[in-house]
Amino acid sequence: VREALGEVGVSGLTVTEVKGFGRQ
C-alpha cells in the first residue's frame, strides 16, 4: 500500500497499529 500510494504521488502518510473486528 505504501508503494502504491507513492506511485500516485502521495508524499506522506501516517501508520498506526490497531486492533478491531468487522464481519470476521
PDB file of all heavy atoms in Angstrom:
ATOM      1  N   VAL A   1       0.838  -1.203   0.000  1.00  0.00           N
ATOM      2  CA  VAL A   1       0.000   0.000   0.000  1.00  0.00           C
ATOM      3  C   VAL A   1       0.868   1.247   0.000  1.00  0.00           C
ATOM      4  O   VAL A   1       0.603   2.207  -0.731  1.00  0.00           O
ATOM      5  CB  VAL A   1      -0.973  -0.014   1.203  1.00  0.00           C
ATOM      6  CG1 VAL A   1      -1.654   1.334   1.374  1.00  0.00           C
ATOM      7  CG2 VAL A   1      -1.998  -1.126   1.032  1.00  0.00           C
ATOM      8  N   ARG A   2       1.924   1.254   0.787  1.00  0.00           N
ATOM      9  CA  ARG A   2       2.824   2.414   0.829  1.00  0.00           C
ATOM     10  C   ARG A   2       3.428   2.674  -0.550  1.00  0.00           C
ATOM     11  O   ARG A   2       3.469   3.813  -1.015  1.00  0.00           O
ATOM     12  CB  ARG A   2       3.938   2.193   1.852  1.00  0.00           C
ATOM     13  CG  ARG A   2       4.823   3.430   2.054  1.00  0.00           C
ATOM     14  CD  ARG A   2       6.055   3.115   2.860  1.00  0.00           C
ATOM     15  NE  ARG A   2       6.945   2.194   2.188  1.00  0.00           N
ATOM     16  CZ  ARG A   2       7.782   2.542   1.194  1.00  0.00           C
ATOM     17  NH1 ARG A   2       7.831   3.781   0.760  1.00  0.00           N
ATOM     18  NH2 ARG A   2       8.571   1.641   0.638  1.00  0.00           N
ATOM     19  N   GLU A   3       3.883   1.620  -1.211  1.00  0.00           N
ATOM     20  CA  GLU A   3       4.464   1.766  -2.541  1.00  0.00           C
ATOM     21  C   GLU A   3       3.426   2.255  -3.554  1.00  0.00           C
ATOM     22  O   GLU A   3       3.712   3.113  -4.385  1.00  0.00           O
ATOM     23  CB  GLU A   3       5.072   0.445  -3.008  1.00  0.00           C
ATOM     24  CG  GLU A   3       6.332   0.069  -2.253  1.00  0.00           C
ATOM     25  CD  GLU A   3       6.857  -1.317  -2.616  1.00  0.00           C
ATOM     26  OE1 GLU A   3       6.289  -1.963  -3.537  1.00  0.00           O
ATOM     27  OE2 GLU A   3       7.819  -1.760  -1.968  1.00  0.00           O
ATOM     28  N   ALA A   4       2.218   1.714  -3.479  1.00  0.00           N
ATOM     29  CA  ALA A   4       1.151   2.116  -4.406  1.00  0.00           C
ATOM     30  C   ALA A   4       0.784   3.588  -4.216  1.00  0.00           C
ATOM     31  O   ALA A   4       0.575   4.316  -5.198  1.00  0.00           O
ATOM     32  CB  ALA A   4      -0.075   1.238  -4.204  1.00  0.00           C
ATOM     33  N   LEU A   5       0.740   4.044  -2.979  1.00  0.00           N
ATOM     34  CA  LEU A   5       0.442   5.452  -2.721  1.00  0.00           C
ATOM     35  C   LEU A   5       1.566   6.354  -3.223  1.00  0.00           C
ATOM     36  O   LEU A   5       1.318   7.429  -3.771  1.00  0.00           O
ATOM     37  CB  LEU A   5       0.187   5.679  -1.229  1.00  0.00           C
ATOM     38  CG  LEU A   5      -1.133   5.133  -0.696  1.00  0.00           C
ATOM     39  CD1 LEU A   5      -1.176   5.223   0.824  1.00  0.00           C
ATOM     40  CD2 LEU A   5      -2.303   5.871  -1.314  1.00  0.00           C
ATOM     41  N   GLY A   6       2.784   5.913  -3.056  1.00  0.00           N
ATOM     42  CA  GLY A   6       3.919   6.677  -3.574  1.00  0.00           C
ATOM     43  C   GLY A   6       3.860   6.826  -5.077  1.00  0.00           C
ATOM     44  O   GLY A   6       4.191   7.880  -5.625  1.00  0.00           O
ATOM     45  N   GLU A   7       3.413   5.778  -5.767  1.00  0.00           N
ATOM     46  CA  GLU A   7       3.317   5.821  -7.227  1.00  0.00           C
ATOM     47  C   GLU A   7       2.262   6.794  -7.724  1.00  0.00           C
ATOM     48  O   GLU A   7       2.363   7.307  -8.837  1.00  0.00           O
ATOM     49  CB  GLU A   7       3.028   4.424  -7.773  1.00  0.00           C
ATOM     50  CG  GLU A   7       4.212   3.482  -7.658  1.00  0.00           C
ATOM     51  CD  GLU A   7       3.888   2.056  -8.066  1.00  0.00           C
ATOM     52  OE1 GLU A   7       2.776   1.817  -8.616  1.00  0.00           O
ATOM     53  OE2 GLU A   7       4.724   1.167  -7.824  1.00  0.00           O
ATOM     54  N   VAL A   8       1.224   7.073  -6.907  1.00  0.00           N
ATOM     55  CA  VAL A   8       0.200   8.030  -7.329  1.00  0.00           C
ATOM     56  C   VAL A   8       0.458   9.433  -6.768  1.00  0.00           C
ATOM     57  O   VAL A   8      -0.385  10.317  -6.869  1.00  0.00           O
ATOM     58  CB  VAL A   8      -1.231   7.566  -6.963  1.00  0.00           C
ATOM     59  CG1 VAL A   8      -1.598   6.310  -7.718  1.00  0.00           C
ATOM     60  CG2 VAL A   8      -1.412   7.401  -5.472  1.00  0.00           C
ATOM     61  N   GLY A   9       1.636   9.627  -6.174  1.00  0.00           N
ATOM     62  CA  GLY A   9       2.039  10.966  -5.769  1.00  0.00           C
ATOM     63  C   GLY A   9       1.818  11.339  -4.326  1.00  0.00           C
ATOM     64  O   GLY A   9       1.991  12.501  -3.959  1.00  0.00           O
ATOM     65  N   VAL A  10       1.441  10.394  -3.482  1.00  0.00           N
ATOM     66  CA  VAL A  10       1.266  10.701  -2.056  1.00  0.00           C
ATOM     67  C   VAL A  10       2.650  10.786  -1.425  1.00  0.00           C
ATOM     68  O   VAL A  10       3.425   9.841  -1.477  1.00  0.00           O
ATOM     69  CB  VAL A  10       0.403   9.619  -1.358  1.00  0.00           C
ATOM     70  CG1 VAL A  10       0.365   9.859   0.148  1.00  0.00           C
ATOM     71  CG2 VAL A  10      -0.986   9.602  -1.937  1.00  0.00           C
ATOM     72  N   SER A  11       2.950  11.941  -0.821  1.00  0.00           N
ATOM     73  CA  SER A  11       4.300  12.163  -0.313  1.00  0.00           C
ATOM     74  C   SER A  11       4.458  11.842   1.169  1.00  0.00           C
ATOM     75  O   SER A  11       5.571  11.713   1.656  1.00  0.00           O
ATOM     76  CB  SER A  11       4.714  13.614  -0.563  1.00  0.00           C
ATOM     77  OG  SER A  11       3.808  14.492   0.083  1.00  0.00           O
ATOM     78  N   GLY A  12       3.369  11.717   1.895  1.00  0.00           N
ATOM     79  CA  GLY A  12       3.485  11.412   3.319  1.00  0.00           C
ATOM     80  C   GLY A  12       2.269  10.664   3.814  1.00  0.00           C
ATOM     81  O   GLY A  12       1.176  10.810   3.278  1.00  0.00           O
ATOM     82  N   LEU A  13       2.477   9.857   4.832  1.00  0.00           N
ATOM     83  CA  LEU A  13       1.360   9.116   5.418  1.00  0.00           C
ATOM     84  C   LEU A  13       1.656   8.812   6.865  1.00  0.00           C
ATOM     85  O   LEU A  13       2.800   8.891   7.311  1.00  0.00           O
ATOM     86  CB  LEU A  13       1.066   7.835   4.632  1.00  0.00           C
ATOM     87  CG  LEU A  13       2.195   6.822   4.400  1.00  0.00           C
ATOM     88  CD1 LEU A  13       2.289   5.827   5.540  1.00  0.00           C
ATOM     89  CD2 LEU A  13       1.917   6.075   3.116  1.00  0.00           C
ATOM     90  N   THR A  14       0.609   8.479   7.585  1.00  0.00           N
ATOM     91  CA  THR A  14       0.730   8.094   8.983  1.00  0.00           C
ATOM     92  C   THR A  14       0.234   6.665   9.125  1.00  0.00           C
ATOM     93  O   THR A  14      -0.802   6.309   8.569  1.00  0.00           O
ATOM     94  CB  THR A  14      -0.112   9.019   9.887  1.00  0.00           C
ATOM     95  OG1 THR A  14       0.348  10.356   9.723  1.00  0.00           O
ATOM     96  CG2 THR A  14       0.010   8.623  11.352  1.00  0.00           C
ATOM     97  N   VAL A  15       0.984   5.843   9.861  1.00  0.00           N
ATOM     98  CA  VAL A  15       0.627   4.447  10.051  1.00  0.00           C
ATOM     99  C   VAL A  15       0.491   4.174  11.545  1.00  0.00           C
ATOM    100  O   VAL A  15       1.353   4.569  12.330  1.00  0.00           O
ATOM    101  CB  VAL A  15       1.696   3.508   9.445  1.00  0.00           C
ATOM    102  CG1 VAL A  15       1.372   2.061   9.738  1.00  0.00           C
ATOM    103  CG2 VAL A  15       1.820   3.747   7.954  1.00  0.00           C
ATOM    104  N   THR A  16      -0.592   3.499  11.913  1.00  0.00           N
ATOM    105  CA  THR A  16      -0.836   3.150  13.304  1.00  0.00           C
ATOM    106  C   THR A  16      -1.219   1.680  13.379  1.00  0.00           C
ATOM    107  O   THR A  16      -2.030   1.218  12.570  1.00  0.00           O
ATOM    108  CB  THR A  16      -2.004   3.986  13.885  1.00  0.00           C
ATOM    109  OG1 THR A  16      -1.790   5.369  13.606  1.00  0.00           O
ATOM    110  CG2 THR A  16      -2.124   3.787  15.377  1.00  0.00           C
ATOM    111  N   GLU A  17      -0.636   0.955  14.319  1.00  0.00           N
ATOM    112  CA  GLU A  17      -1.056  -0.426  14.549  1.00  0.00           C
ATOM    113  C   GLU A  17      -2.318  -0.387  15.396  1.00  0.00           C
ATOM    114  O   GLU A  17      -2.338   0.239  16.454  1.00  0.00           O
ATOM    115  CB  GLU A  17       0.044  -1.209  15.260  1.00  0.00           C
ATOM    116  CG  GLU A  17       1.264  -1.434  14.397  1.00  0.00           C
ATOM    117  CD  GLU A  17       2.347  -2.237  15.102  1.00  0.00           C
ATOM    118  OE1 GLU A  17       2.068  -2.786  16.196  1.00  0.00           O
ATOM    119  OE2 GLU A  17       3.447  -2.317  14.565  1.00  0.00           O
ATOM    120  N   VAL A  18      -3.373  -1.047  14.916  1.00  0.00           N
ATOM    121  CA  VAL A  18      -4.649  -1.033  15.611  1.00  0.00           C
ATOM    122  C   VAL A  18      -5.187  -2.464  15.721  1.00  0.00           C
ATOM    123  O   VAL A  18      -4.662  -3.384  15.096  1.00  0.00           O
ATOM    124  CB  VAL A  18      -5.679  -0.136  14.884  1.00  0.00           C
ATOM    125  CG1 VAL A  18      -5.239   1.311  14.904  1.00  0.00           C
ATOM    126  CG2 VAL A  18      -5.915  -0.606  13.461  1.00  0.00           C
ATOM    127  N   LYS A  19      -6.228  -2.619  16.509  1.00  0.00           N
ATOM    128  CA  LYS A  19      -6.922  -3.905  16.612  1.00  0.00           C
ATOM    129  C   LYS A  19      -8.404  -3.650  16.440  1.00  0.00           C
ATOM    130  O   LYS A  19      -8.916  -2.609  16.857  1.00  0.00           O
ATOM    131  CB  LYS A  19      -6.668  -4.558  17.976  1.00  0.00           C
ATOM    132  CG  LYS A  19      -5.254  -5.011  18.162  1.00  0.00           C
ATOM    133  CD  LYS A  19      -5.091  -5.713  19.480  1.00  0.00           C
ATOM    134  CE  LYS A  19      -3.647  -6.178  19.630  1.00  0.00           C
ATOM    135  NZ  LYS A  19      -3.483  -7.062  20.762  1.00  0.00           N
ATOM    136  N   GLY A  20      -9.101  -4.604  15.827  1.00  0.00           N
ATOM    137  CA  GLY A  20     -10.534  -4.449  15.649  1.00  0.00           C
ATOM    138  C   GLY A  20     -11.128  -5.666  15.001  1.00  0.00           C
ATOM    139  O   GLY A  20     -10.449  -6.662  14.756  1.00  0.00           O
ATOM    140  N   PHE A  21     -12.434  -5.581  14.731  1.00  0.00           N
ATOM    141  CA  PHE A  21     -13.091  -6.651  14.004  1.00  0.00           C
ATOM    142  C   PHE A  21     -14.296  -6.087  13.284  1.00  0.00           C
ATOM    143  O   PHE A  21     -14.852  -5.064  13.668  1.00  0.00           O
ATOM    144  CB  PHE A  21     -13.495  -7.809  14.917  1.00  0.00           C
ATOM    145  CG  PHE A  21     -14.608  -7.478  15.869  1.00  0.00           C
ATOM    146  CD1 PHE A  21     -15.924  -7.694  15.512  1.00  0.00           C
ATOM    147  CD2 PHE A  21     -14.334  -6.973  17.121  1.00  0.00           C
ATOM    148  CE1 PHE A  21     -16.954  -7.380  16.382  1.00  0.00           C
ATOM    149  CE2 PHE A  21     -15.349  -6.668  18.004  1.00  0.00           C
ATOM    150  CZ  PHE A  21     -16.671  -6.870  17.638  1.00  0.00           C
ATOM    151  N   GLY A  22     -14.661  -6.745  12.229  1.00  0.00           N
ATOM    152  CA  GLY A  22     -15.858  -6.412  11.475  1.00  0.00           C
ATOM    153  C   GLY A  22     -16.660  -7.677  11.319  1.00  0.00           C
ATOM    154  O   GLY A  22     -16.992  -8.339  12.290  1.00  0.00           O
ATOM    155  N   ARG A  23     -16.864  -8.075  10.089  1.00  0.00           N
ATOM    156  CA  ARG A  23     -17.621  -9.297   9.834  1.00  0.00           C
ATOM    157  C   ARG A  23     -16.841 -10.546  10.216  1.00  0.00           C
ATOM    158  O   ARG A  23     -17.410 -11.609  10.372  1.00  0.00           O
ATOM    159  CB  ARG A  23     -18.014  -9.363   8.366  1.00  0.00           C
ATOM    160  CG  ARG A  23     -19.041  -8.326   8.019  1.00  0.00           C
ATOM    161  CD  ARG A  23     -19.546  -8.508   6.626  1.00  0.00           C
ATOM    162  NE  ARG A  23     -20.581  -7.527   6.360  1.00  0.00           N
ATOM    163  CZ  ARG A  23     -20.910  -7.130   5.171  1.00  0.00           C
ATOM    164  NH1 ARG A  23     -20.302  -7.619   4.115  1.00  0.00           N
ATOM    165  NH2 ARG A  23     -21.855  -6.242   5.007  1.00  0.00           N
ATOM    166  N   GLN A  24     -15.523 -10.412  10.374  1.00  0.00           N
ATOM    167  CA  GLN A  24     -14.709 -11.567  10.755  1.00  0.00           C
ATOM    168  C   GLN A  24     -15.102 -12.088  12.133  1.00  0.00           C
ATOM    169  O   GLN A  24     -15.003 -13.258  12.415  1.00  0.00           O
ATOM    170  CB  GLN A  24     -13.227 -11.196  10.785  1.00  0.00           C
ATOM    171  CG  GLN A  24     -12.591 -11.128   9.425  1.00  0.00           C
ATOM    172  CD  GLN A  24     -11.145 -10.723   9.563  1.00  0.00           C
ATOM    173  OE1 GLN A  24     -10.864  -9.561   9.794  1.00  0.00           O
ATOM    174  NE2 GLN A  24     -10.251 -11.657   9.419  1.00  0.00           N
TER     175      GLN A  24
END
